[in-house]
């Protein structure tokens, strides 16, 4: 049997998704955060597992509720790719 490493948040050995980490720090349940931002608990579960990329509007509501920024919660943290608009 071959075991593969995965970097998917929420799995054993992987760091928590920033939404999950901040939600836990704020002592909010998934249902409480979902209610506060107007979505289902299942949507929050999917966001925390990295299976769902929220709309800009939902990302802003989640960030506001958790006292954070969209960049902190959903930014890649990696370098910005070079494009015609970003020729650095």
N, C-alpha and C. Protein backbone atom coordinates (compact mmCIF):
# COMPACT_ATOMS: atom_id res chain seq x y z
N UNK A 1 0.84 -1.18 0.00
CA UNK A 1 0.00 0.00 0.00
C UNK A 1 0.89 1.24 0.00
N UNK A 2 0.55 2.19 -0.86
CA UNK A 2 1.30 3.42 -0.98
C UNK A 2 0.46 4.55 -0.41
N UNK A 3 1.03 5.28 0.52
CA UNK A 3 0.34 6.43 1.10
C UNK A 3 0.83 7.69 0.43
N UNK A 4 -0.10 8.54 0.03
CA UNK A 4 0.26 9.80 -0.62
C UNK A 4 0.09 10.95 0.35
N UNK A 5 1.00 11.87 0.29
CA UNK A 5 0.87 13.10 1.09
C UNK A 5 -0.09 14.02 0.37
N UNK A 6 -0.89 14.71 1.11
CA UNK A 6 -1.80 15.68 0.53
C UNK A 6 -1.72 16.97 1.33
N UNK A 7 -1.93 18.07 0.64
CA UNK A 7 -1.89 19.35 1.34
C UNK A 7 -3.28 19.94 1.49
N UNK A 8 -4.30 19.12 1.27
CA UNK A 8 -5.68 19.61 1.38
C UNK A 8 -5.98 19.95 2.84
N UNK A 9 -6.42 21.19 3.12
CA UNK A 9 -6.72 21.57 4.49
C UNK A 9 -7.76 20.65 5.11
N UNK A 10 -7.61 20.43 6.40
CA UNK A 10 -8.59 19.63 7.12
C UNK A 10 -8.27 18.15 7.19
N UNK A 11 -7.28 17.71 6.43
CA UNK A 11 -6.90 16.31 6.48
C UNK A 11 -5.74 16.15 7.44
N UNK A 12 -5.57 14.94 7.94
CA UNK A 12 -4.52 14.66 8.92
C UNK A 12 -3.17 15.13 8.39
N UNK A 13 -2.46 15.87 9.19
CA UNK A 13 -1.14 16.34 8.82
C UNK A 13 -1.13 17.65 8.06
N UNK A 14 -2.27 18.08 7.55
CA UNK A 14 -2.34 19.33 6.81
C UNK A 14 -2.79 20.45 7.75
N UNK A 15 -2.28 21.66 7.53
CA UNK A 15 -2.71 22.77 8.38
C UNK A 15 -4.17 23.11 8.11
N UNK A 16 -4.85 23.64 9.14
CA UNK A 16 -6.23 24.07 8.98
C UNK A 16 -6.32 25.20 7.97
N UNK A 17 -7.42 25.24 7.24
CA UNK A 17 -7.70 26.36 6.35
C UNK A 17 -7.80 27.61 7.24
N UNK A 18 -7.35 28.76 6.76
CA UNK A 18 -7.42 29.96 7.59
C UNK A 18 -8.83 30.29 8.09
N UNK A 19 -9.86 29.99 7.30
CA UNK A 19 -11.23 30.25 7.76
C UNK A 19 -11.51 29.39 8.98
N UNK A 20 -11.15 28.12 8.91
CA UNK A 20 -11.39 27.20 10.03
C UNK A 20 -10.61 27.65 11.27
N UNK A 21 -9.35 27.98 11.07
CA UNK A 21 -8.51 28.39 12.20
C UNK A 21 -9.07 29.63 12.90
N UNK A 22 -9.45 30.65 12.12
CA UNK A 22 -9.99 31.86 12.73
C UNK A 22 -11.37 31.62 13.34
N UNK A 23 -12.18 30.80 12.67
CA UNK A 23 -13.50 30.48 13.23
C UNK A 23 -13.36 29.81 14.58
N UNK A 24 -12.41 28.88 14.69
CA UNK A 24 -12.19 28.20 15.96
C UNK A 24 -11.65 29.18 17.01
N UNK A 25 -10.75 30.08 16.60
CA UNK A 25 -10.23 31.09 17.52
C UNK A 25 -11.35 31.97 18.07
N UNK A 26 -12.34 32.25 17.23
CA UNK A 26 -13.48 33.08 17.64
C UNK A 26 -14.54 32.27 18.37
N UNK A 27 -14.30 30.97 18.52
CA UNK A 27 -15.23 30.06 19.20
C UNK A 27 -16.62 30.06 18.55
N UNK A 28 -16.61 30.05 17.22
CA UNK A 28 -17.84 29.96 16.45
C UNK A 28 -17.97 28.56 15.88
N UNK A 29 -19.18 28.05 15.85
CA UNK A 29 -19.42 26.79 15.16
C UNK A 29 -19.57 27.09 13.67
N UNK A 30 -19.50 26.05 12.86
CA UNK A 30 -19.72 26.24 11.43
C UNK A 30 -21.13 26.78 11.19
N UNK A 31 -22.10 26.29 11.94
CA UNK A 31 -23.48 26.74 11.79
C UNK A 31 -23.62 28.22 12.16
N UNK A 32 -22.93 28.66 13.21
CA UNK A 32 -23.01 30.06 13.63
C UNK A 32 -22.39 30.97 12.57
N UNK A 33 -21.23 30.59 12.05
CA UNK A 33 -20.61 31.41 11.00
C UNK A 33 -21.49 31.43 9.76
N UNK A 34 -22.03 30.27 9.40
CA UNK A 34 -22.90 30.20 8.23
C UNK A 34 -24.10 31.13 8.39
N UNK A 35 -24.74 31.10 9.54
CA UNK A 35 -25.88 31.97 9.78
C UNK A 35 -25.51 33.44 9.72
N UNK A 36 -24.34 33.77 10.24
CA UNK A 36 -23.90 35.16 10.27
C UNK A 36 -23.61 35.71 8.87
N UNK A 37 -23.19 34.84 7.96
CA UNK A 37 -22.86 35.31 6.61
C UNK A 37 -23.91 34.93 5.58
N UNK A 38 -24.97 34.24 6.01
CA UNK A 38 -26.09 33.98 5.13
C UNK A 38 -25.95 32.81 4.17
N UNK A 39 -25.25 31.76 4.60
CA UNK A 39 -25.13 30.55 3.77
C UNK A 39 -25.42 29.33 4.63
N UNK A 40 -25.41 28.16 4.02
CA UNK A 40 -25.63 26.92 4.77
C UNK A 40 -24.34 26.48 5.47
N UNK A 41 -24.50 25.66 6.48
CA UNK A 41 -23.33 25.09 7.16
C UNK A 41 -22.49 24.29 6.17
N UNK A 42 -23.14 23.62 5.24
CA UNK A 42 -22.41 22.81 4.26
C UNK A 42 -21.50 23.68 3.39
N UNK A 43 -21.91 24.91 3.13
CA UNK A 43 -21.05 25.83 2.37
C UNK A 43 -19.79 26.14 3.15
N UNK A 44 -19.92 26.39 4.44
CA UNK A 44 -18.75 26.67 5.28
C UNK A 44 -17.84 25.44 5.33
N UNK A 45 -18.44 24.26 5.45
CA UNK A 45 -17.65 23.02 5.44
C UNK A 45 -16.84 22.93 4.15
N UNK A 46 -17.49 23.18 3.01
CA UNK A 46 -16.81 23.09 1.72
C UNK A 46 -15.69 24.13 1.59
N UNK A 47 -15.94 25.35 2.09
CA UNK A 47 -14.90 26.38 2.06
C UNK A 47 -13.70 25.94 2.89
N UNK A 48 -13.95 25.45 4.10
CA UNK A 48 -12.87 25.04 5.00
C UNK A 48 -12.09 23.85 4.46
N UNK A 49 -12.73 23.00 3.68
CA UNK A 49 -12.05 21.85 3.10
C UNK A 49 -11.34 22.18 1.79
N UNK A 50 -11.53 23.41 1.32
CA UNK A 50 -10.90 23.81 0.07
C UNK A 50 -11.63 23.28 -1.16
N UNK A 51 -12.86 22.82 -0.98
CA UNK A 51 -13.64 22.28 -2.09
C UNK A 51 -14.50 23.34 -2.77
N UNK A 52 -14.59 24.52 -2.21
CA UNK A 52 -15.46 25.56 -2.74
C UNK A 52 -14.76 26.90 -2.61
N UNK A 53 -14.65 27.60 -3.72
CA UNK A 53 -14.10 28.95 -3.71
C UNK A 53 -15.28 29.91 -3.64
N UNK A 54 -15.42 30.64 -2.56
CA UNK A 54 -16.57 31.53 -2.42
C UNK A 54 -16.51 32.70 -3.38
N UNK A 55 -17.69 33.27 -3.65
CA UNK A 55 -17.73 34.49 -4.46
C UNK A 55 -17.02 35.60 -3.69
N UNK A 56 -16.71 36.66 -4.40
CA UNK A 56 -16.07 37.81 -3.76
C UNK A 56 -16.94 38.33 -2.62
N UNK A 57 -18.24 38.39 -2.87
CA UNK A 57 -19.15 38.92 -1.85
C UNK A 57 -19.19 38.04 -0.61
N UNK A 58 -19.22 36.72 -0.79
CA UNK A 58 -19.21 35.81 0.36
C UNK A 58 -17.86 35.87 1.07
N UNK A 59 -16.78 35.92 0.31
CA UNK A 59 -15.44 36.01 0.91
C UNK A 59 -15.34 37.27 1.78
N UNK A 60 -15.89 38.37 1.29
CA UNK A 60 -15.87 39.62 2.07
C UNK A 60 -16.68 39.49 3.35
N UNK A 61 -17.86 38.84 3.26
CA UNK A 61 -18.69 38.66 4.46
C UNK A 61 -18.00 37.77 5.49
N UNK A 62 -17.37 36.70 5.02
CA UNK A 62 -16.66 35.80 5.93
C UNK A 62 -15.50 36.54 6.58
N UNK A 63 -14.72 37.25 5.78
CA UNK A 63 -13.57 37.99 6.32
C UNK A 63 -14.03 39.02 7.35
N UNK A 64 -15.09 39.76 7.04
CA UNK A 64 -15.60 40.77 7.97
C UNK A 64 -16.05 40.11 9.28
N UNK A 65 -16.77 39.00 9.17
CA UNK A 65 -17.28 38.32 10.37
C UNK A 65 -16.14 37.81 11.24
N UNK A 66 -15.04 37.40 10.62
CA UNK A 66 -13.90 36.85 11.37
C UNK A 66 -12.86 37.92 11.70
N UNK A 67 -13.13 39.16 11.33
CA UNK A 67 -12.19 40.25 11.65
C UNK A 67 -10.88 40.11 10.91
N UNK A 68 -10.94 39.67 9.67
CA UNK A 68 -9.75 39.42 8.88
C UNK A 68 -9.90 40.06 7.52
N UNK A 69 -8.99 39.73 6.62
CA UNK A 69 -9.08 40.22 5.25
C UNK A 69 -9.25 39.04 4.31
N UNK A 70 -9.79 39.32 3.13
CA UNK A 70 -9.95 38.28 2.12
C UNK A 70 -8.58 37.71 1.74
N UNK A 71 -7.59 38.58 1.64
CA UNK A 71 -6.25 38.13 1.26
C UNK A 71 -5.69 37.14 2.28
N UNK A 72 -5.91 37.41 3.56
CA UNK A 72 -5.42 36.53 4.60
C UNK A 72 -6.13 35.18 4.56
N UNK A 73 -7.43 35.20 4.33
CA UNK A 73 -8.21 33.96 4.35
C UNK A 73 -8.10 33.15 3.08
N UNK A 74 -8.01 33.82 1.93
CA UNK A 74 -8.10 33.11 0.66
C UNK A 74 -6.94 33.35 -0.29
N UNK A 75 -5.99 34.21 0.09
CA UNK A 75 -4.85 34.48 -0.78
C UNK A 75 -3.95 33.27 -0.88
N UNK A 76 -3.29 33.14 -2.00
CA UNK A 76 -2.42 31.98 -2.21
C UNK A 76 -1.13 32.09 -1.41
N UNK A 77 -0.73 33.31 -1.11
CA UNK A 77 0.51 33.50 -0.37
C UNK A 77 1.73 33.32 -1.23
N UNK A 78 1.54 32.92 -2.47
CA UNK A 78 2.65 32.70 -3.38
C UNK A 78 2.93 33.93 -4.21
N UNK A 79 3.94 33.84 -5.05
CA UNK A 79 4.26 34.97 -5.91
C UNK A 79 3.16 35.20 -6.94
N UNK A 80 3.04 36.44 -7.35
CA UNK A 80 2.06 36.79 -8.38
C UNK A 80 2.67 36.41 -9.72
N UNK A 81 1.94 35.65 -10.55
CA UNK A 81 2.50 35.24 -11.83
C UNK A 81 2.70 36.43 -12.74
N UNK A 82 3.70 36.33 -13.60
CA UNK A 82 3.98 37.39 -14.57
C UNK A 82 2.96 37.33 -15.70
N UNK A 83 2.33 38.43 -15.98
CA UNK A 83 1.38 38.53 -17.07
C UNK A 83 1.62 39.84 -17.80
N UNK A 84 0.89 40.06 -18.87
CA UNK A 84 1.02 41.32 -19.60
C UNK A 84 0.64 42.49 -18.71
N UNK A 85 -0.34 42.27 -17.81
CA UNK A 85 -0.76 43.33 -16.92
C UNK A 85 0.19 43.51 -15.73
N UNK A 86 0.98 42.48 -15.42
CA UNK A 86 1.89 42.49 -14.30
C UNK A 86 3.27 42.02 -14.77
N UNK A 87 4.00 42.86 -15.50
CA UNK A 87 5.25 42.43 -16.12
C UNK A 87 6.48 42.42 -15.23
N UNK A 88 6.34 42.52 -13.92
CA UNK A 88 7.48 42.64 -13.01
C UNK A 88 8.61 41.80 -13.31
